[in-house]
C-alpha atoms as a PDB file:
ATOM      1  CA  UNK A   1      16.474   4.390  -5.539  1.00  0.00           C
ATOM      2  CA  UNK A   2      14.215   5.472  -8.096  1.00  0.00           C
ATOM      3  CA  UNK A   3      10.655   7.729  -6.814  1.00  0.00           C
ATOM      4  CA  UNK A   4       8.841   4.390  -8.383  1.00  0.00           C
ATOM      5  CA  UNK A   5      10.671   2.145  -6.777  1.00  0.00           C
ATOM      6  CA  UNK A   6       9.897   4.317  -3.344  1.00  0.00           C
ATOM      7  CA  UNK A   7       6.471   4.175  -4.042  1.00  0.00           C
ATOM      8  CA  UNK A   8       6.466   0.416  -4.759  1.00  0.00           C
ATOM      9  CA  UNK A   9       7.846  -0.698  -1.515  1.00  0.00           C
ATOM     10  CA  UNK A  10       5.838   1.905   0.243  1.00  0.00           C
ATOM     11  CA  UNK A  11       2.865   0.372  -0.897  1.00  0.00           C
ATOM     12  CA  UNK A  12       4.272  -3.157  -0.524  1.00  0.00           C
ATOM     13  CA  UNK A  13       4.791  -2.339   3.057  1.00  0.00           C
ATOM     14  CA  UNK A  14       1.583  -0.957   3.922  1.00  0.00           C
ATOM     15  CA  UNK A  15       0.113  -4.289   5.098  1.00  0.00           C
ATOM     16  CA  UNK A  16       2.706  -5.408   7.952  1.00  0.00           C
ATOM     17  CA  UNK A  17       2.154  -8.271  10.296  1.00  0.00           C
ATOM     18  CA  UNK A  18       2.424  -7.085  13.737  1.00  0.00           C
ATOM     19  CA  UNK A  19       2.071  -9.667  16.634  1.00  0.00           C
ATOM     20  CA  UNK A  20       0.299 -12.483  14.176  1.00  0.00           C
ATOM     21  CA  UNK A  21      -2.190  -9.670  12.811  1.00  0.00           C
ATOM     22  CA  UNK A  22      -2.201  -8.111   9.545  1.00  0.00           C
ATOM     23  CA  UNK A  23      -2.334  -4.368   9.745  1.00  0.00           C
ATOM     24  CA  UNK A  24      -3.467  -2.172   6.777  1.00  0.00           C
ATOM     25  CA  UNK A  25      -1.583   0.959   6.852  1.00  0.00           C
ATOM     26  CA  UNK A  26      -3.876   2.247   3.352  1.00  0.00           C
ATOM     27  CA  UNK A  27      -6.963   2.352   5.895  1.00  0.00           C
ATOM     28  CA  UNK A  28      -7.922   5.772   7.562  1.00  0.00           C
ATOM     29  CA  UNK A  29      -5.935   8.521   8.187  1.00  0.00           C
ATOM     30  CA  UNK A  30      -2.480   6.767   7.710  1.00  0.00           C
ATOM     31  CA  UNK A  31      -3.765   5.601   4.574  1.00  0.00           C
ATOM     32  CA  UNK A  32      -4.954   9.320   3.392  1.00  0.00           C
ATOM     33  CA  UNK A  33      -1.426  10.679   4.483  1.00  0.00           C
ATOM     34  CA  UNK A  34       0.212   7.973   2.530  1.00  0.00           C
ATOM     35  CA  UNK A  35      -1.401   8.917  -0.439  1.00  0.00           C
ATOM     36  CA  UNK A  36      -0.759  12.612  -0.314  1.00  0.00           C
ATOM     37  CA  UNK A  37       2.854  12.166   0.845  1.00  0.00           C
ATOM     38  CA  UNK A  38       2.842  10.582  -3.151  1.00  0.00           C
ATOM     39  CA  UNK A  39       0.873  13.267  -4.776  1.00  0.00           C
ATOM     40  CA  UNK A  40      -2.550  11.888  -4.817  1.00  0.00           C
ATOM     41  CA  UNK A  41      -5.580  13.011  -2.619  1.00  0.00           C
ATOM     42  CA  UNK A  42      -6.246  10.031  -0.517  1.00  0.00           C
ATOM     43  CA  UNK A  43      -9.975   9.454  -1.574  1.00  0.00           C
ATOM     44  CA  UNK A  44     -11.609   6.301  -0.766  1.00  0.00           C
ATOM     45  CA  UNK A  45     -11.437   5.163  -4.688  1.00  0.00           C
ATOM     46  CA  UNK A  46      -7.848   5.840  -4.594  1.00  0.00           C
ATOM     47  CA  UNK A  47      -7.072   4.080  -1.675  1.00  0.00           C
ATOM     48  CA  UNK A  48      -9.067   1.007  -2.717  1.00  0.00           C
ATOM     49  CA  UNK A  49      -6.941   1.155  -5.998  1.00  0.00           C
ATOM     50  CA  UNK A  50      -3.643   1.268  -4.204  1.00  0.00           C
ATOM     51  CA  UNK A  51      -4.984  -1.673  -1.981  1.00  0.00           C
ATOM     52  CA  UNK A  52      -5.592  -3.548  -5.242  1.00  0.00           C
ATOM     53  CA  UNK A  53      -2.276  -2.946  -6.507  1.00  0.00           C
ATOM     54  CA  UNK A  54      -0.738  -3.951  -2.956  1.00  0.00           C
ATOM     55  CA  UNK A  55      -2.333  -7.187  -3.255  1.00  0.00           C
ATOM     56  CA  UNK A  56      -1.456  -8.185  -6.618  1.00  0.00           C
ATOM     57  CA  UNK A  57       2.137  -7.068  -5.775  1.00  0.00           C
ATOM     58  CA  UNK A  58       2.138  -9.283  -3.045  1.00  0.00           C
ATOM     59  CA  UNK A  59       0.286 -12.350  -4.293  1.00  0.00           C
ATOM     60  CA  UNK A  60       3.454 -11.755  -7.059  1.00  0.00           C
ATOM     61  CA  UNK A  61       5.755 -11.681  -4.557  1.00  0.00           C
ATOM     62  CA  UNK A  62       4.702 -15.033  -2.754  1.00  0.00           C
ATOM     63  CA  UNK A  63       4.302 -16.644  -5.926  1.00  0.00           C
ATOM     64  CA  UNK A  64       0.407 -16.932  -6.261  1.00  0.00           C
ATOM     65  CA  UNK A  65      -0.013 -15.328  -9.607  1.00  0.00           C
END
């Protein structure tokens, strides 16, 4: 798998539904860690961009875009 594909999947899977509740793994320390693993800095602005990208990708996958 290409690195870009791995990043795409990591971002896409950062909001799993556990016991009927959506978790946001781009929030707090886990979000900063994910961003840093991929060469980011983990700033609040960067995490917000990742969340917006994730939401857009999920909308496409679910047929809402």
